[in-house]
N, C-alpha and C. Protein backbone atom coordinates (compact mmCIF):
# COMPACT_ATOMS: atom_id res chain seq x y z
N MET A 1 -18.75 8.17 0.28
CA MET A 1 -19.84 7.57 1.03
C MET A 1 -19.28 6.65 2.11
N THR A 2 -19.81 6.74 3.30
CA THR A 2 -19.37 5.90 4.41
C THR A 2 -20.07 4.55 4.36
N VAL A 3 -19.29 3.48 4.49
CA VAL A 3 -19.82 2.13 4.46
C VAL A 3 -19.98 1.62 5.89
N ASP A 4 -21.15 1.07 6.19
CA ASP A 4 -21.37 0.44 7.49
C ASP A 4 -20.84 -0.99 7.46
N VAL A 5 -20.03 -1.33 8.46
CA VAL A 5 -19.39 -2.65 8.53
C VAL A 5 -19.75 -3.32 9.85
N VAL A 6 -20.10 -4.59 9.79
CA VAL A 6 -20.27 -5.42 10.98
C VAL A 6 -19.20 -6.50 10.96
N ILE A 7 -18.48 -6.65 12.07
CA ILE A 7 -17.42 -7.65 12.18
C ILE A 7 -17.98 -8.89 12.87
N VAL A 8 -17.73 -10.04 12.29
CA VAL A 8 -18.18 -11.32 12.86
C VAL A 8 -17.04 -11.90 13.68
N GLY A 9 -17.27 -12.03 14.99
CA GLY A 9 -16.25 -12.57 15.89
C GLY A 9 -15.61 -11.47 16.71
N CYS A 10 -15.86 -11.47 18.01
CA CYS A 10 -15.34 -10.39 18.86
C CYS A 10 -14.18 -10.85 19.74
N GLY A 11 -13.51 -11.94 19.34
CA GLY A 11 -12.29 -12.35 20.03
C GLY A 11 -11.12 -11.46 19.66
N GLY A 12 -9.93 -11.88 20.06
CA GLY A 12 -8.74 -11.08 19.80
C GLY A 12 -8.51 -10.81 18.33
N HIS A 13 -8.72 -11.82 17.49
CA HIS A 13 -8.52 -11.64 16.05
C HIS A 13 -9.50 -10.62 15.49
N GLY A 14 -10.74 -10.71 15.93
CA GLY A 14 -11.75 -9.76 15.48
C GLY A 14 -11.43 -8.34 15.89
N ARG A 15 -10.90 -8.18 17.10
CA ARG A 15 -10.56 -6.82 17.55
C ARG A 15 -9.34 -6.30 16.78
N GLU A 16 -8.43 -7.18 16.38
CA GLU A 16 -7.33 -6.75 15.51
C GLU A 16 -7.86 -6.30 14.15
N VAL A 17 -8.84 -7.01 13.63
CA VAL A 17 -9.46 -6.62 12.37
C VAL A 17 -10.09 -5.23 12.49
N LEU A 18 -10.71 -4.96 13.63
CA LEU A 18 -11.26 -3.63 13.89
C LEU A 18 -10.20 -2.55 13.73
N THR A 19 -9.01 -2.78 14.26
CA THR A 19 -7.95 -1.77 14.17
C THR A 19 -7.52 -1.53 12.73
N ILE A 20 -7.62 -2.56 11.87
CA ILE A 20 -7.28 -2.38 10.45
C ILE A 20 -8.28 -1.44 9.80
N VAL A 21 -9.56 -1.67 10.04
CA VAL A 21 -10.59 -0.79 9.46
C VAL A 21 -10.40 0.64 9.96
N GLN A 22 -10.11 0.79 11.24
CA GLN A 22 -9.89 2.14 11.79
C GLN A 22 -8.66 2.79 11.17
N ALA A 23 -7.60 2.02 10.97
CA ALA A 23 -6.38 2.57 10.36
C ALA A 23 -6.63 2.98 8.92
N MET A 24 -7.42 2.22 8.19
CA MET A 24 -7.76 2.59 6.82
C MET A 24 -8.50 3.93 6.78
N THR A 25 -9.46 4.10 7.67
CA THR A 25 -10.23 5.34 7.71
C THR A 25 -9.34 6.51 8.09
N ASP A 26 -8.48 6.30 9.09
CA ASP A 26 -7.57 7.37 9.53
C ASP A 26 -6.62 7.79 8.41
N ALA A 27 -6.24 6.82 7.56
CA ALA A 27 -5.32 7.12 6.46
C ALA A 27 -6.02 7.63 5.22
N GLY A 28 -7.33 7.78 5.28
CA GLY A 28 -8.08 8.26 4.13
C GLY A 28 -8.27 7.23 3.04
N ARG A 29 -8.17 5.95 3.38
CA ARG A 29 -8.36 4.88 2.38
C ARG A 29 -9.77 4.32 2.48
N GLY A 30 -10.72 5.16 2.16
CA GLY A 30 -12.11 4.76 2.24
C GLY A 30 -12.70 5.10 3.59
N ALA A 31 -13.98 5.38 3.60
CA ALA A 31 -14.68 5.72 4.84
C ALA A 31 -15.54 4.54 5.26
N ALA A 32 -15.18 3.92 6.36
CA ALA A 32 -15.93 2.78 6.88
C ALA A 32 -16.24 3.03 8.35
N ARG A 33 -17.46 2.71 8.73
CA ARG A 33 -17.90 2.86 10.11
C ARG A 33 -18.27 1.48 10.63
N VAL A 34 -17.55 1.02 11.66
CA VAL A 34 -17.85 -0.29 12.24
C VAL A 34 -19.07 -0.12 13.15
N ARG A 35 -20.15 -0.70 12.71
CA ARG A 35 -21.41 -0.57 13.46
C ARG A 35 -21.39 -1.40 14.72
N GLY A 36 -20.66 -2.51 14.70
CA GLY A 36 -20.57 -3.36 15.88
C GLY A 36 -20.09 -4.75 15.52
N PHE A 37 -20.16 -5.64 16.51
CA PHE A 37 -19.73 -7.03 16.37
C PHE A 37 -20.91 -7.96 16.57
N VAL A 38 -20.87 -9.08 15.86
CA VAL A 38 -21.79 -10.18 16.15
C VAL A 38 -20.94 -11.42 16.49
N ASP A 39 -21.48 -12.24 17.38
CA ASP A 39 -20.73 -13.42 17.84
C ASP A 39 -21.73 -14.32 18.55
N ASP A 40 -21.70 -15.61 18.24
CA ASP A 40 -22.65 -16.54 18.86
C ASP A 40 -22.33 -16.83 20.32
N ARG A 41 -21.05 -16.80 20.68
CA ARG A 41 -20.67 -17.17 22.05
C ARG A 41 -19.58 -16.22 22.57
N PRO A 42 -19.87 -14.96 22.74
CA PRO A 42 -18.84 -14.04 23.23
C PRO A 42 -18.54 -14.28 24.70
N SER A 43 -17.27 -14.22 25.06
CA SER A 43 -16.92 -14.36 26.47
C SER A 43 -17.13 -13.03 27.19
N GLU A 44 -17.25 -13.10 28.51
CA GLU A 44 -17.41 -11.87 29.29
C GLU A 44 -16.20 -10.96 29.10
N ARG A 45 -15.02 -11.56 29.03
CA ARG A 45 -13.80 -10.75 28.84
C ARG A 45 -13.85 -10.00 27.52
N ASN A 46 -14.24 -10.70 26.46
CA ASN A 46 -14.27 -10.04 25.15
C ASN A 46 -15.34 -8.96 25.10
N LEU A 47 -16.47 -9.18 25.77
CA LEU A 47 -17.50 -8.14 25.80
C LEU A 47 -17.00 -6.89 26.54
N LYS A 48 -16.25 -7.10 27.60
CA LYS A 48 -15.68 -5.96 28.31
C LYS A 48 -14.66 -5.21 27.45
N LEU A 49 -13.85 -5.97 26.67
CA LEU A 49 -12.87 -5.32 25.80
C LEU A 49 -13.55 -4.56 24.67
N LEU A 50 -14.70 -5.04 24.22
CA LEU A 50 -15.45 -4.27 23.22
C LEU A 50 -15.94 -2.95 23.81
N GLN A 51 -16.36 -2.99 25.06
CA GLN A 51 -16.79 -1.75 25.71
C GLN A 51 -15.64 -0.75 25.78
N ARG A 52 -14.44 -1.24 26.09
CA ARG A 52 -13.27 -0.36 26.14
C ARG A 52 -12.96 0.23 24.76
N ALA A 53 -13.24 -0.54 23.71
CA ALA A 53 -13.02 -0.05 22.35
C ALA A 53 -14.16 0.84 21.86
N ASP A 54 -15.22 0.95 22.67
CA ASP A 54 -16.39 1.78 22.34
C ASP A 54 -17.08 1.32 21.06
N VAL A 55 -17.14 -0.02 20.92
CA VAL A 55 -17.85 -0.62 19.78
C VAL A 55 -18.85 -1.61 20.35
N PRO A 56 -20.13 -1.53 19.96
CA PRO A 56 -21.14 -2.37 20.60
C PRO A 56 -21.15 -3.82 20.13
N TYR A 57 -21.61 -4.68 21.01
CA TYR A 57 -21.95 -6.06 20.66
C TYR A 57 -23.41 -6.05 20.23
N LEU A 58 -23.68 -6.51 19.01
CA LEU A 58 -25.01 -6.41 18.44
C LEU A 58 -25.87 -7.64 18.68
N GLY A 59 -25.22 -8.80 18.91
CA GLY A 59 -25.98 -10.02 19.11
C GLY A 59 -25.33 -11.19 18.40
N ARG A 60 -26.09 -12.25 18.26
CA ARG A 60 -25.59 -13.45 17.59
C ARG A 60 -25.45 -13.20 16.09
N VAL A 61 -24.80 -14.14 15.41
CA VAL A 61 -24.54 -13.97 13.98
C VAL A 61 -25.85 -13.81 13.21
N ASP A 62 -26.91 -14.45 13.67
CA ASP A 62 -28.20 -14.35 12.98
C ASP A 62 -28.78 -12.95 13.05
N TRP A 63 -28.18 -12.06 13.83
CA TRP A 63 -28.58 -10.64 13.82
C TRP A 63 -28.50 -10.09 12.40
N LEU A 64 -27.59 -10.63 11.61
CA LEU A 64 -27.38 -10.14 10.24
C LEU A 64 -28.61 -10.37 9.35
N ARG A 65 -29.46 -11.29 9.75
CA ARG A 65 -30.64 -11.61 8.95
C ARG A 65 -31.53 -10.38 8.74
N ALA A 66 -31.57 -9.50 9.76
CA ALA A 66 -32.43 -8.32 9.68
C ALA A 66 -31.63 -7.04 9.44
N ALA A 67 -30.36 -7.16 9.12
CA ALA A 67 -29.52 -5.98 8.89
C ALA A 67 -29.91 -5.29 7.59
N PRO A 68 -29.69 -3.97 7.50
CA PRO A 68 -29.93 -3.27 6.23
C PRO A 68 -29.14 -3.90 5.10
N VAL A 69 -29.70 -3.87 3.90
CA VAL A 69 -29.10 -4.58 2.77
C VAL A 69 -27.75 -4.01 2.36
N ASP A 70 -27.45 -2.77 2.77
CA ASP A 70 -26.16 -2.19 2.42
C ASP A 70 -25.11 -2.37 3.52
N THR A 71 -25.43 -3.19 4.52
CA THR A 71 -24.45 -3.52 5.56
C THR A 71 -23.39 -4.45 5.00
N HIS A 72 -22.13 -4.09 5.18
CA HIS A 72 -21.03 -4.95 4.76
C HIS A 72 -20.54 -5.78 5.93
N VAL A 73 -20.09 -6.99 5.63
CA VAL A 73 -19.69 -7.94 6.67
C VAL A 73 -18.22 -8.27 6.51
N LEU A 74 -17.53 -8.33 7.65
CA LEU A 74 -16.10 -8.66 7.67
C LEU A 74 -15.89 -9.74 8.73
N ILE A 75 -15.36 -10.88 8.32
CA ILE A 75 -15.17 -11.99 9.27
C ILE A 75 -13.87 -11.80 10.04
N GLY A 76 -13.98 -11.71 11.35
CA GLY A 76 -12.81 -11.50 12.20
C GLY A 76 -12.47 -12.74 13.01
N VAL A 77 -12.40 -13.87 12.33
CA VAL A 77 -12.10 -15.16 12.98
C VAL A 77 -10.87 -15.75 12.30
N GLY A 78 -9.88 -16.16 13.09
CA GLY A 78 -8.62 -16.59 12.53
C GLY A 78 -8.60 -17.99 11.95
N HIS A 79 -9.40 -18.91 12.47
CA HIS A 79 -9.31 -20.31 12.04
C HIS A 79 -10.01 -20.49 10.69
N PRO A 80 -9.32 -21.02 9.69
CA PRO A 80 -9.90 -21.10 8.34
C PRO A 80 -11.19 -21.91 8.26
N ILE A 81 -11.25 -23.06 8.95
CA ILE A 81 -12.44 -23.91 8.84
C ILE A 81 -13.65 -23.22 9.46
N VAL A 82 -13.44 -22.57 10.61
CA VAL A 82 -14.54 -21.83 11.24
C VAL A 82 -14.96 -20.66 10.35
N ARG A 83 -13.98 -19.98 9.76
CA ARG A 83 -14.29 -18.86 8.88
C ARG A 83 -15.07 -19.33 7.64
N GLN A 84 -14.74 -20.51 7.15
CA GLN A 84 -15.45 -21.07 6.00
C GLN A 84 -16.91 -21.31 6.35
N GLU A 85 -17.19 -21.87 7.50
CA GLU A 85 -18.57 -22.12 7.91
C GLU A 85 -19.32 -20.81 8.11
N LEU A 86 -18.66 -19.82 8.71
CA LEU A 86 -19.30 -18.51 8.87
C LEU A 86 -19.58 -17.88 7.51
N GLY A 87 -18.67 -18.09 6.56
CA GLY A 87 -18.89 -17.56 5.22
C GLY A 87 -20.16 -18.12 4.59
N ARG A 88 -20.41 -19.41 4.80
CA ARG A 88 -21.63 -20.02 4.27
C ARG A 88 -22.88 -19.37 4.89
N ARG A 89 -22.82 -19.16 6.19
CA ARG A 89 -23.97 -18.56 6.88
C ARG A 89 -24.20 -17.13 6.41
N ILE A 90 -23.13 -16.38 6.25
CA ILE A 90 -23.25 -14.98 5.85
C ILE A 90 -23.75 -14.88 4.41
N ASP A 91 -23.28 -15.77 3.54
CA ASP A 91 -23.74 -15.78 2.16
C ASP A 91 -25.27 -15.95 2.09
N ALA A 92 -25.80 -16.73 3.02
CA ALA A 92 -27.24 -16.97 3.03
C ALA A 92 -28.03 -15.70 3.33
N HIS A 93 -27.39 -14.74 3.99
CA HIS A 93 -28.05 -13.47 4.30
C HIS A 93 -27.97 -12.48 3.15
N GLY A 94 -27.14 -12.76 2.15
CA GLY A 94 -27.07 -11.92 0.97
C GLY A 94 -26.41 -10.57 1.17
N LEU A 95 -25.59 -10.42 2.21
CA LEU A 95 -24.94 -9.14 2.47
C LEU A 95 -23.56 -9.09 1.83
N PRO A 96 -23.13 -7.94 1.36
CA PRO A 96 -21.80 -7.84 0.75
C PRO A 96 -20.70 -7.94 1.80
N ALA A 97 -19.54 -8.46 1.38
CA ALA A 97 -18.38 -8.55 2.27
C ALA A 97 -17.49 -7.33 2.08
N PHE A 98 -16.84 -6.95 3.16
CA PHE A 98 -15.90 -5.82 3.15
C PHE A 98 -14.48 -6.36 3.15
N SER A 99 -13.59 -5.73 2.40
CA SER A 99 -12.17 -6.11 2.41
C SER A 99 -11.37 -5.04 3.13
N ALA A 100 -10.43 -5.46 3.96
CA ALA A 100 -9.65 -4.53 4.78
C ALA A 100 -8.16 -4.79 4.58
N VAL A 101 -7.45 -3.77 4.12
CA VAL A 101 -6.00 -3.85 3.91
C VAL A 101 -5.36 -2.74 4.71
N HIS A 102 -4.52 -3.10 5.66
CA HIS A 102 -3.88 -2.10 6.53
C HIS A 102 -2.99 -1.18 5.69
N PRO A 103 -2.97 0.12 5.98
CA PRO A 103 -2.11 1.03 5.23
C PRO A 103 -0.63 0.69 5.28
N ASP A 104 -0.21 -0.05 6.31
CA ASP A 104 1.20 -0.44 6.42
C ASP A 104 1.50 -1.79 5.79
N ALA A 105 0.55 -2.34 5.04
CA ALA A 105 0.80 -3.55 4.25
C ALA A 105 1.17 -3.14 2.83
N THR A 106 1.81 -4.06 2.11
CA THR A 106 2.18 -3.80 0.72
C THR A 106 1.53 -4.85 -0.17
N VAL A 107 0.72 -4.40 -1.11
CA VAL A 107 0.11 -5.28 -2.09
C VAL A 107 0.56 -4.80 -3.46
N GLY A 108 1.32 -5.66 -4.16
CA GLY A 108 1.96 -5.26 -5.41
C GLY A 108 1.02 -5.25 -6.61
N PRO A 109 1.59 -5.04 -7.79
CA PRO A 109 0.79 -4.94 -9.01
C PRO A 109 0.24 -6.29 -9.46
N ASP A 110 -0.89 -6.21 -10.17
CA ASP A 110 -1.53 -7.40 -10.73
C ASP A 110 -1.87 -8.44 -9.66
N VAL A 111 -2.30 -7.97 -8.49
CA VAL A 111 -2.81 -8.85 -7.45
C VAL A 111 -4.34 -8.82 -7.53
N VAL A 112 -4.94 -9.98 -7.65
CA VAL A 112 -6.40 -10.10 -7.76
C VAL A 112 -6.91 -10.76 -6.49
N HIS A 113 -7.98 -10.20 -5.91
CA HIS A 113 -8.49 -10.82 -4.68
C HIS A 113 -10.00 -10.86 -4.68
N GLY A 114 -10.53 -11.83 -3.93
CA GLY A 114 -11.96 -11.93 -3.73
C GLY A 114 -12.42 -11.07 -2.58
N GLU A 115 -13.72 -11.08 -2.34
CA GLU A 115 -14.30 -10.26 -1.28
C GLU A 115 -13.89 -10.79 0.10
N GLY A 116 -13.90 -9.90 1.08
CA GLY A 116 -13.63 -10.29 2.46
C GLY A 116 -12.17 -10.46 2.81
N LEU A 117 -11.27 -10.02 1.94
CA LEU A 117 -9.83 -10.12 2.21
C LEU A 117 -9.46 -9.28 3.43
N VAL A 118 -8.57 -9.81 4.28
CA VAL A 118 -8.00 -9.06 5.39
C VAL A 118 -6.48 -9.16 5.32
N VAL A 119 -5.82 -8.01 5.22
CA VAL A 119 -4.36 -7.96 5.17
C VAL A 119 -3.88 -7.10 6.33
N PHE A 120 -3.11 -7.70 7.21
CA PHE A 120 -2.66 -7.04 8.43
C PHE A 120 -1.42 -6.18 8.17
N ALA A 121 -1.09 -5.35 9.14
CA ALA A 121 0.08 -4.48 9.04
C ALA A 121 1.34 -5.30 8.80
N GLY A 122 2.19 -4.81 7.91
CA GLY A 122 3.48 -5.44 7.66
C GLY A 122 3.45 -6.59 6.69
N ALA A 123 2.27 -7.04 6.29
CA ALA A 123 2.19 -8.13 5.31
C ALA A 123 2.69 -7.64 3.95
N ARG A 124 3.29 -8.53 3.18
CA ARG A 124 3.84 -8.19 1.87
C ARG A 124 3.35 -9.20 0.84
N VAL A 125 2.64 -8.70 -0.16
CA VAL A 125 2.20 -9.52 -1.28
C VAL A 125 2.86 -8.94 -2.52
N THR A 126 3.59 -9.74 -3.28
CA THR A 126 4.45 -9.17 -4.32
C THR A 126 3.69 -8.90 -5.61
N THR A 127 3.69 -9.79 -6.58
CA THR A 127 3.09 -9.48 -7.87
C THR A 127 2.46 -10.72 -8.50
N ASN A 128 1.40 -10.49 -9.28
CA ASN A 128 0.71 -11.57 -10.00
C ASN A 128 0.24 -12.67 -9.06
N VAL A 129 -0.28 -12.24 -7.91
CA VAL A 129 -0.80 -13.16 -6.90
C VAL A 129 -2.32 -13.15 -6.97
N THR A 130 -2.93 -14.31 -6.80
CA THR A 130 -4.39 -14.43 -6.76
C THR A 130 -4.80 -14.85 -5.35
N LEU A 131 -5.68 -14.05 -4.74
CA LEU A 131 -6.15 -14.31 -3.39
C LEU A 131 -7.66 -14.55 -3.44
N GLY A 132 -8.12 -15.62 -2.80
CA GLY A 132 -9.53 -15.96 -2.84
C GLY A 132 -10.36 -15.15 -1.86
N ARG A 133 -11.58 -15.62 -1.64
CA ARG A 133 -12.51 -14.95 -0.73
C ARG A 133 -12.11 -15.19 0.73
N HIS A 134 -12.26 -14.15 1.54
CA HIS A 134 -12.07 -14.23 2.98
C HIS A 134 -10.70 -14.80 3.37
N VAL A 135 -9.70 -14.44 2.60
CA VAL A 135 -8.31 -14.80 2.94
C VAL A 135 -7.80 -13.85 4.02
N HIS A 136 -7.05 -14.39 4.98
CA HIS A 136 -6.44 -13.57 6.02
C HIS A 136 -4.92 -13.71 5.95
N LEU A 137 -4.25 -12.57 5.71
CA LEU A 137 -2.79 -12.52 5.68
C LEU A 137 -2.35 -11.73 6.90
N ASN A 138 -1.76 -12.42 7.86
CA ASN A 138 -1.49 -11.82 9.16
C ASN A 138 -0.18 -11.02 9.18
N GLN A 139 0.10 -10.45 10.36
CA GLN A 139 1.20 -9.49 10.50
C GLN A 139 2.53 -10.04 9.97
N ASN A 140 3.14 -9.22 9.10
CA ASN A 140 4.51 -9.46 8.65
C ASN A 140 4.72 -10.79 7.92
N CYS A 141 3.65 -11.33 7.33
CA CYS A 141 3.83 -12.51 6.48
C CYS A 141 4.16 -12.05 5.06
N THR A 142 4.64 -12.97 4.22
CA THR A 142 4.95 -12.64 2.83
C THR A 142 4.35 -13.69 1.91
N VAL A 143 3.88 -13.22 0.76
CA VAL A 143 3.35 -14.11 -0.28
C VAL A 143 4.03 -13.73 -1.58
N GLY A 144 4.73 -14.69 -2.19
CA GLY A 144 5.56 -14.41 -3.36
C GLY A 144 4.80 -14.47 -4.68
N HIS A 145 5.51 -14.11 -5.72
CA HIS A 145 4.97 -13.96 -7.07
C HIS A 145 4.25 -15.20 -7.58
N ASP A 146 3.19 -14.99 -8.34
CA ASP A 146 2.48 -16.04 -9.07
C ASP A 146 1.86 -17.11 -8.17
N THR A 147 1.69 -16.78 -6.90
CA THR A 147 1.08 -17.73 -5.98
C THR A 147 -0.43 -17.61 -6.04
N VAL A 148 -1.12 -18.72 -5.88
CA VAL A 148 -2.58 -18.75 -5.84
C VAL A 148 -3.01 -19.18 -4.43
N VAL A 149 -3.78 -18.33 -3.79
CA VAL A 149 -4.24 -18.57 -2.42
C VAL A 149 -5.75 -18.76 -2.46
N GLY A 150 -6.22 -19.93 -2.06
CA GLY A 150 -7.64 -20.25 -2.15
C GLY A 150 -8.48 -19.56 -1.11
N ASP A 151 -9.79 -19.74 -1.23
CA ASP A 151 -10.74 -19.14 -0.29
C ASP A 151 -10.46 -19.59 1.14
N PHE A 152 -10.62 -18.65 2.07
CA PHE A 152 -10.59 -18.90 3.52
C PHE A 152 -9.21 -19.33 4.05
N VAL A 153 -8.18 -19.15 3.27
CA VAL A 153 -6.82 -19.49 3.73
C VAL A 153 -6.35 -18.48 4.76
N SER A 154 -5.57 -18.96 5.74
CA SER A 154 -4.88 -18.09 6.69
C SER A 154 -3.37 -18.28 6.55
N VAL A 155 -2.65 -17.17 6.41
CA VAL A 155 -1.20 -17.19 6.49
C VAL A 155 -0.85 -16.41 7.76
N ASN A 156 -0.31 -17.10 8.75
CA ASN A 156 -0.13 -16.53 10.07
C ASN A 156 1.10 -15.62 10.15
N PRO A 157 1.26 -14.90 11.28
CA PRO A 157 2.35 -13.92 11.38
C PRO A 157 3.72 -14.52 11.07
N LEU A 158 4.50 -13.74 10.30
CA LEU A 158 5.89 -14.05 9.98
C LEU A 158 6.08 -15.28 9.09
N ALA A 159 4.99 -15.85 8.59
CA ALA A 159 5.12 -16.97 7.66
C ALA A 159 5.56 -16.45 6.29
N ALA A 160 6.26 -17.30 5.54
CA ALA A 160 6.76 -16.92 4.21
C ALA A 160 6.30 -17.95 3.18
N VAL A 161 5.51 -17.49 2.24
CA VAL A 161 5.06 -18.34 1.13
C VAL A 161 5.83 -17.88 -0.10
N SER A 162 6.61 -18.78 -0.68
CA SER A 162 7.46 -18.43 -1.82
C SER A 162 6.65 -18.29 -3.10
N GLY A 163 7.35 -18.01 -4.19
CA GLY A 163 6.70 -17.81 -5.47
C GLY A 163 6.14 -19.09 -6.06
N ASP A 164 5.08 -18.92 -6.86
CA ASP A 164 4.50 -20.02 -7.64
C ASP A 164 3.99 -21.15 -6.78
N CYS A 165 3.50 -20.82 -5.58
CA CYS A 165 2.91 -21.82 -4.69
C CYS A 165 1.40 -21.84 -4.87
N ARG A 166 0.78 -22.85 -4.30
CA ARG A 166 -0.68 -22.94 -4.31
C ARG A 166 -1.15 -23.39 -2.94
N LEU A 167 -1.98 -22.55 -2.32
CA LEU A 167 -2.58 -22.87 -1.02
C LEU A 167 -4.07 -23.09 -1.26
N GLU A 168 -4.53 -24.33 -1.07
CA GLU A 168 -5.91 -24.66 -1.39
C GLU A 168 -6.87 -24.19 -0.28
N THR A 169 -8.16 -24.31 -0.55
CA THR A 169 -9.22 -23.78 0.31
C THR A 169 -9.02 -24.15 1.78
N ALA A 170 -9.10 -23.13 2.65
CA ALA A 170 -9.08 -23.28 4.11
C ALA A 170 -7.79 -23.89 4.65
N ALA A 171 -6.71 -23.80 3.90
CA ALA A 171 -5.40 -24.20 4.43
C ALA A 171 -4.90 -23.15 5.41
N LEU A 172 -4.03 -23.57 6.31
CA LEU A 172 -3.43 -22.67 7.29
C LEU A 172 -1.91 -22.85 7.28
N VAL A 173 -1.20 -21.74 7.14
CA VAL A 173 0.26 -21.75 7.23
C VAL A 173 0.62 -21.08 8.55
N GLY A 174 1.22 -21.84 9.47
CA GLY A 174 1.43 -21.38 10.84
C GLY A 174 2.49 -20.32 10.98
N THR A 175 2.53 -19.74 12.15
CA THR A 175 3.47 -18.66 12.46
C THR A 175 4.91 -19.09 12.20
N CYS A 176 5.63 -18.27 11.47
CA CYS A 176 7.04 -18.47 11.14
C CYS A 176 7.30 -19.67 10.23
N ALA A 177 6.26 -20.28 9.69
CA ALA A 177 6.45 -21.39 8.76
C ALA A 177 6.87 -20.86 7.40
N SER A 178 7.42 -21.75 6.57
CA SER A 178 7.79 -21.37 5.20
C SER A 178 7.33 -22.44 4.23
N VAL A 179 6.87 -21.99 3.07
CA VAL A 179 6.46 -22.88 1.99
C VAL A 179 7.39 -22.57 0.82
N LEU A 180 8.20 -23.54 0.42
CA LEU A 180 9.20 -23.29 -0.60
C LEU A 180 8.59 -23.20 -1.99
N GLN A 181 9.40 -22.65 -2.90
CA GLN A 181 8.99 -22.36 -4.28
C GLN A 181 8.25 -23.52 -4.93
N GLY A 182 7.07 -23.23 -5.47
CA GLY A 182 6.34 -24.19 -6.27
C GLY A 182 5.60 -25.27 -5.52
N ARG A 183 5.58 -25.20 -4.18
CA ARG A 183 4.91 -26.25 -3.41
C ARG A 183 3.41 -25.97 -3.30
N GLN A 184 2.66 -27.03 -3.02
CA GLN A 184 1.21 -26.94 -2.86
C GLN A 184 0.82 -27.43 -1.48
N VAL A 185 -0.10 -26.69 -0.83
CA VAL A 185 -0.67 -27.09 0.46
C VAL A 185 -2.14 -27.37 0.22
N GLY A 186 -2.57 -28.60 0.50
CA GLY A 186 -3.91 -29.03 0.15
C GLY A 186 -5.01 -28.40 0.99
N ALA A 187 -6.23 -28.57 0.53
CA ALA A 187 -7.40 -27.98 1.20
C ALA A 187 -7.50 -28.48 2.64
N GLY A 188 -7.71 -27.55 3.57
CA GLY A 188 -7.89 -27.88 4.97
C GLY A 188 -6.65 -28.36 5.68
N ALA A 189 -5.49 -28.34 5.03
CA ALA A 189 -4.25 -28.78 5.66
C ALA A 189 -3.70 -27.67 6.57
N THR A 190 -2.90 -28.08 7.55
CA THR A 190 -2.26 -27.15 8.47
C THR A 190 -0.75 -27.36 8.43
N VAL A 191 -0.03 -26.27 8.20
CA VAL A 191 1.43 -26.28 8.30
C VAL A 191 1.77 -25.70 9.66
N GLY A 192 2.39 -26.50 10.51
CA GLY A 192 2.67 -26.08 11.87
C GLY A 192 3.65 -24.92 11.95
N ALA A 193 3.64 -24.27 13.10
CA ALA A 193 4.52 -23.13 13.33
C ALA A 193 5.97 -23.53 13.10
N SER A 194 6.70 -22.69 12.38
CA SER A 194 8.14 -22.84 12.10
C SER A 194 8.48 -24.02 11.22
N ALA A 195 7.47 -24.67 10.64
CA ALA A 195 7.74 -25.78 9.73
C ALA A 195 8.24 -25.25 8.38
N CYS A 196 8.91 -26.13 7.63
CA CYS A 196 9.39 -25.77 6.30
C CYS A 196 8.87 -26.80 5.30
N VAL A 197 8.00 -26.36 4.41
CA VAL A 197 7.37 -27.25 3.44
C VAL A 197 8.28 -27.38 2.23
N VAL A 198 8.82 -28.59 2.03
CA VAL A 198 9.69 -28.85 0.89
C VAL A 198 9.04 -29.81 -0.11
N HIS A 199 7.93 -30.46 0.29
CA HIS A 199 7.15 -31.33 -0.58
C HIS A 199 5.69 -30.90 -0.48
N ASP A 200 4.89 -31.23 -1.49
CA ASP A 200 3.47 -30.91 -1.46
C ASP A 200 2.81 -31.53 -0.23
N VAL A 201 1.85 -30.81 0.34
CA VAL A 201 1.14 -31.26 1.54
C VAL A 201 -0.25 -31.74 1.11
N PRO A 202 -0.64 -32.98 1.42
CA PRO A 202 -1.96 -33.47 1.02
C PRO A 202 -3.08 -32.74 1.75
N PRO A 203 -4.29 -32.78 1.21
CA PRO A 203 -5.42 -32.14 1.87
C PRO A 203 -5.68 -32.70 3.27
N GLY A 204 -6.06 -31.84 4.18
CA GLY A 204 -6.58 -32.26 5.47
C GLY A 204 -5.57 -32.75 6.50
N VAL A 205 -4.27 -32.73 6.17
CA VAL A 205 -3.29 -33.25 7.13
C VAL A 205 -2.61 -32.11 7.87
N VAL A 206 -1.94 -32.47 8.95
CA VAL A 206 -1.13 -31.51 9.72
C VAL A 206 0.33 -31.91 9.56
N VAL A 207 1.16 -30.99 9.14
CA VAL A 207 2.59 -31.28 9.02
C VAL A 207 3.36 -30.30 9.91
N LYS A 208 4.52 -30.76 10.38
CA LYS A 208 5.35 -29.91 11.24
C LYS A 208 6.79 -30.34 11.08
N GLY A 209 7.68 -29.45 11.56
CA GLY A 209 9.10 -29.77 11.54
C GLY A 209 9.82 -29.27 10.30
N VAL A 210 11.13 -29.54 10.28
CA VAL A 210 12.00 -29.14 9.17
C VAL A 210 12.80 -30.37 8.74
N PRO A 211 12.53 -30.91 7.55
CA PRO A 211 11.44 -30.55 6.64
C PRO A 211 10.10 -30.99 7.19
N ALA A 212 9.03 -30.36 6.73
CA ALA A 212 7.68 -30.65 7.26
C ALA A 212 7.24 -32.05 6.87
N ARG A 213 6.76 -32.79 7.88
CA ARG A 213 6.24 -34.15 7.65
C ARG A 213 4.91 -34.31 8.39
């Protein structure tokens, strides 16, 4: 059965998410049809790029209020806090979330995930990992054994999260950053690009550098 999917957010991240769904269908990993995009403030440039991709812009996010009940929703927004707020709005519409895992990603055994997961090409998740709702694992990042990743977390391209770590709700691990074995990144915290986390990061703070401070 083909699943109808609407992507929330028609920026660059959302269009990358579109390519994951298309790659899954091409590889025979489920049949999904992207019905279109919703976005409250689409730019003219992004609307033109949607036209080039031959996928329609459907309207604002509240368009989902009148969508068929079997419409699946996939959030294509990279920022964890914004994605968290969109998740609240989408939950109010009662529509199911779609999870998208690129065929060129690796998800190992005993990995448990919530709805709305997005795993980009080249990402590697090893074993006994727990991933929350609407987690985004970007290109070529790694998540090690026994790690717990909370809802709405983003792990950006080329970032490395070691084993037995904990990333709390809406945390962001920046591009090329690393989180060492057993460390915790608090809710809403940001690990800057190329930073190395050697101590636990408190909630809501931004750390950068080597070691991250």
